[in-house]
Amino acid sequence: MHFPVVLLDAGLLAINGTLIAEIVAFLLMLGVLARWVYPPIIKAAEARQLQIKQQLEQAEKARQEAEARLQAAQDEILKARLQAGQIIEQANRAAERIQQEAQEKAREEARRIVESASRDIDAERQRATQAIRLQMADIVTEAVRRIVGENLDGERHRKLIEATIEQVEEEPSAAQ
């Protein structure tokens, strides 16, 4: 069999058997690649694309969860700050109350001490007044005895002088 040889003059490209063999080999290689090589490559690329998509979805989900946790943590911090503020306020009120109670106790103690001192002073004044009365009675008795020159009954005379002193004390001008 004999093939007609066609010679075409195209200038740069000469069509001959080699060119046809190369085109056939190229098409055959393209068919082999399309049938057996490209499908696994495309499958691998699609699998990789799916894997990347899933990883992006997981990353987005993780980001949302992290944001939710962050918000929850911020809420907890705010709640803790509010509780701390309340505790501080309660402590301040308790401290004020304790301070007021301590001041009131101190005032009460001071009042009690003043009253006790006043009672002690009054008692001491009474004792001093009684001692002065007794001394005065003795002095008056001695003076009267010297003036009169006789010895009066000491007990009777003392009662008379004490009664006179009490009378003088009861008068408005002596109560000063």
Protein backbone atom coordinates (compact mmCIF):
# COMPACT_ATOMS: atom_id res chain seq x y z
CA MET A 1 0.00 0.00 0.00
CA HIS A 2 1.17 3.21 -0.86
CA PHE A 3 0.17 6.55 0.62
CA PRO A 4 0.18 9.54 -1.46
CA VAL A 5 2.62 12.04 -0.25
CA VAL A 6 1.34 15.51 -0.16
CA LEU A 7 3.84 18.16 -0.07
CA LEU A 8 2.63 21.41 1.07
CA ASP A 9 4.80 24.28 1.29
CA ALA A 10 3.84 26.34 4.32
CA GLY A 11 7.10 27.88 4.98
CA LEU A 12 8.08 27.10 8.54
CA LEU A 13 6.15 23.91 8.98
CA ALA A 14 6.58 20.99 6.74
CA ILE A 15 3.80 18.45 6.95
CA ASN A 16 5.24 15.00 6.68
CA GLY A 17 4.93 11.58 8.36
CA THR A 18 6.84 12.65 11.37
CA LEU A 19 4.40 15.45 12.08
CA ILE A 20 1.46 13.11 11.74
CA ALA A 21 3.16 10.58 14.04
CA GLU A 22 3.76 13.31 16.56
CA ILE A 23 0.12 14.48 16.40
CA VAL A 24 -1.10 10.88 16.79
CA ALA A 25 1.30 10.30 19.68
CA PHE A 26 0.16 13.57 21.24
CA LEU A 27 -3.52 12.65 20.92
CA LEU A 28 -2.81 9.16 22.20
CA MET A 29 -0.90 10.60 25.16
CA LEU A 30 -3.75 13.06 25.76
CA GLY A 31 -6.24 10.18 25.77
CA VAL A 32 -4.09 8.13 28.17
CA LEU A 33 -3.69 11.15 30.43
CA ALA A 34 -7.41 11.96 30.26
CA ARG A 35 -8.43 8.35 30.92
CA TRP A 36 -5.99 7.22 33.62
CA VAL A 37 -3.91 10.15 34.93
CA TYR A 38 -6.23 13.19 35.17
CA PRO A 39 -9.10 11.52 37.11
CA PRO A 40 -6.93 10.64 40.13
CA ILE A 41 -5.33 14.08 39.99
CA ILE A 42 -8.75 15.75 39.80
CA LYS A 43 -10.03 13.48 42.62
CA ALA A 44 -7.02 14.40 44.74
CA ALA A 45 -7.53 18.11 43.99
CA GLU A 46 -11.24 17.87 44.83
CA ALA A 47 -10.45 15.95 48.02
CA ARG A 48 -7.89 18.57 48.96
CA GLN A 49 -10.41 21.33 48.17
CA LEU A 50 -13.02 19.57 50.34
CA GLN A 51 -10.48 19.14 53.12
CA ILE A 52 -9.55 22.84 52.97
CA LYS A 53 -13.24 23.79 53.01
CA GLN A 54 -13.83 21.58 56.06
CA GLN A 55 -10.78 23.05 57.80
CA LEU A 56 -12.05 26.57 57.06
CA GLU A 57 -15.46 25.62 58.47
CA GLN A 58 -13.81 24.12 61.54
CA ALA A 59 -11.66 27.23 61.94
CA GLU A 60 -14.75 29.45 61.66
CA LYS A 61 -16.57 27.28 64.19
CA ALA A 62 -13.56 27.40 66.52
CA ARG A 63 -13.40 31.19 66.10
CA GLN A 64 -17.09 31.51 66.96
CA GLU A 65 -16.64 29.26 69.99
CA ALA A 66 -13.61 31.29 71.06
CA GLU A 67 -15.62 34.50 70.70
CA ALA A 68 -18.45 32.95 72.72
CA ARG A 69 -15.97 31.88 75.43
CA LEU A 70 -14.39 35.32 75.39
CA GLN A 71 -17.81 36.94 75.77
CA ALA A 72 -18.67 34.53 78.58
CA ALA A 73 -15.35 35.29 80.28
CA GLN A 74 -15.97 39.02 79.93
CA ASP A 75 -19.46 38.55 81.37
CA GLU A 76 -17.99 36.60 84.29
CA ILE A 77 -15.38 39.32 84.86
CA LEU A 78 -18.09 41.98 84.84
CA LYS A 79 -20.18 39.90 87.23
CA ALA A 80 -17.16 39.41 89.50
CA ARG A 81 -16.46 43.15 89.45
CA LEU A 82 -20.06 43.89 90.38
CA GLN A 83 -19.91 41.36 93.21
CA ALA A 84 -16.61 42.82 94.38
CA GLY A 85 -18.18 46.28 94.35
CA GLN A 86 -21.11 45.02 96.39
CA ILE A 87 -18.80 43.29 98.86
CA ILE A 88 -16.72 46.45 99.22
CA GLU A 89 -19.88 48.52 99.72
CA GLN A 90 -21.13 46.09 102.36
CA ALA A 91 -17.74 46.15 104.07
CA ASN A 92 -17.77 49.95 104.06
CA ARG A 93 -21.26 50.02 105.55
CA ALA A 94 -20.25 47.45 108.17
CA ALA A 95 -17.15 49.49 109.01
CA GLU A 96 -19.27 52.65 109.37
CA ARG A 97 -21.75 50.81 111.56
CA ILE A 98 -18.96 49.38 113.73
CA GLN A 99 -17.36 52.81 113.97
CA GLN A 100 -20.68 54.38 114.98
CA GLU A 101 -21.26 51.64 117.55
CA ALA A 102 -17.76 52.15 118.93
CA GLN A 103 -18.33 55.91 119.13
CA GLU A 104 -21.66 55.36 120.85
CA LYS A 105 -20.05 52.94 123.33
CA ALA A 106 -17.27 55.45 123.95
CA ARG A 107 -19.85 58.23 124.56
CA GLU A 108 -21.81 55.95 126.88
CA GLU A 109 -18.62 54.99 128.74
CA ALA A 110 -17.62 58.66 129.03
CA ARG A 111 -21.08 59.56 130.31
CA ARG A 112 -20.91 56.71 132.82
CA ILE A 113 -17.45 57.81 133.95
CA VAL A 114 -18.63 61.43 134.32
CA GLU A 115 -21.68 60.30 136.30
CA SER A 116 -19.53 58.08 138.50
CA ALA A 117 -17.05 60.91 139.04
CA SER A 118 -19.92 63.27 139.81
CA ARG A 119 -21.32 60.81 142.37
CA ASP A 120 -17.85 60.40 143.88
CA ILE A 121 -17.43 64.18 144.04
CA ASP A 122 -20.85 64.57 145.66
CA ALA A 123 -20.05 61.84 148.17
CA GLU A 124 -16.67 63.41 148.91
CA ARG A 125 -18.34 66.83 149.28
CA GLN A 126 -20.83 65.29 151.70
CA ARG A 127 -18.00 63.72 153.71
CA ALA A 128 -16.04 66.98 153.67
CA THR A 129 -19.14 68.92 154.74
CA GLN A 130 -19.76 66.44 157.54
CA ALA A 131 -16.13 66.66 158.63
CA ILE A 132 -16.29 70.46 158.58
CA ARG A 133 -19.49 70.35 160.64
CA LEU A 134 -17.87 68.13 163.20
CA GLN A 135 -14.76 70.31 163.33
CA MET A 136 -16.89 73.43 163.50
CA ALA A 137 -18.94 71.97 166.33
CA ASP A 138 -15.75 71.12 168.20
CA ILE A 139 -14.32 74.60 167.57
CA VAL A 140 -17.55 76.34 168.60
CA THR A 141 -17.82 74.16 171.70
CA GLU A 142 -14.27 74.95 172.66
CA ALA A 143 -14.80 78.64 171.98
CA VAL A 144 -17.99 78.72 174.02
CA ARG A 145 -16.33 76.78 176.80
CA ARG A 146 -13.48 79.27 176.92
CA ILE A 147 -15.81 82.23 176.76
CA VAL A 148 -18.26 80.93 179.30
CA GLY A 149 -15.57 79.30 181.29
CA GLU A 150 -17.45 76.24 182.19
CA ASN A 151 -17.62 72.81 180.70
CA LEU A 152 -20.90 72.16 178.97
CA ASP A 153 -22.20 68.74 178.23
CA GLY A 154 -20.32 67.95 174.96
CA GLU A 155 -22.93 65.72 173.39
CA ARG A 156 -25.87 68.02 174.13
CA HIS A 157 -23.96 71.04 172.99
CA ARG A 158 -22.84 69.32 169.79
CA LYS A 159 -26.46 68.43 168.89
CA LEU A 160 -27.48 72.02 169.47
CA ILE A 161 -24.70 73.30 167.18
CA GLU A 162 -25.48 70.76 164.43
CA ALA A 163 -29.13 71.75 164.49
CA THR A 164 -28.12 75.40 164.16
CA ILE A 165 -25.79 74.60 161.24
CA GLU A 166 -28.55 72.67 159.45
CA GLN A 167 -30.88 75.60 159.97
CA VAL A 168 -28.35 77.96 158.46
CA GLU A 169 -27.80 75.62 155.49
CA GLU A 170 -31.53 75.45 154.79
CA GLU A 171 -31.81 79.23 154.52
CA PRO A 172 -31.74 80.46 150.88
CA SER A 173 -28.68 82.66 151.37
CA ALA A 174 -26.61 79.74 152.75
CA ALA A 175 -27.44 77.30 149.93
CA GLN A 176 -25.05 79.03 147.54
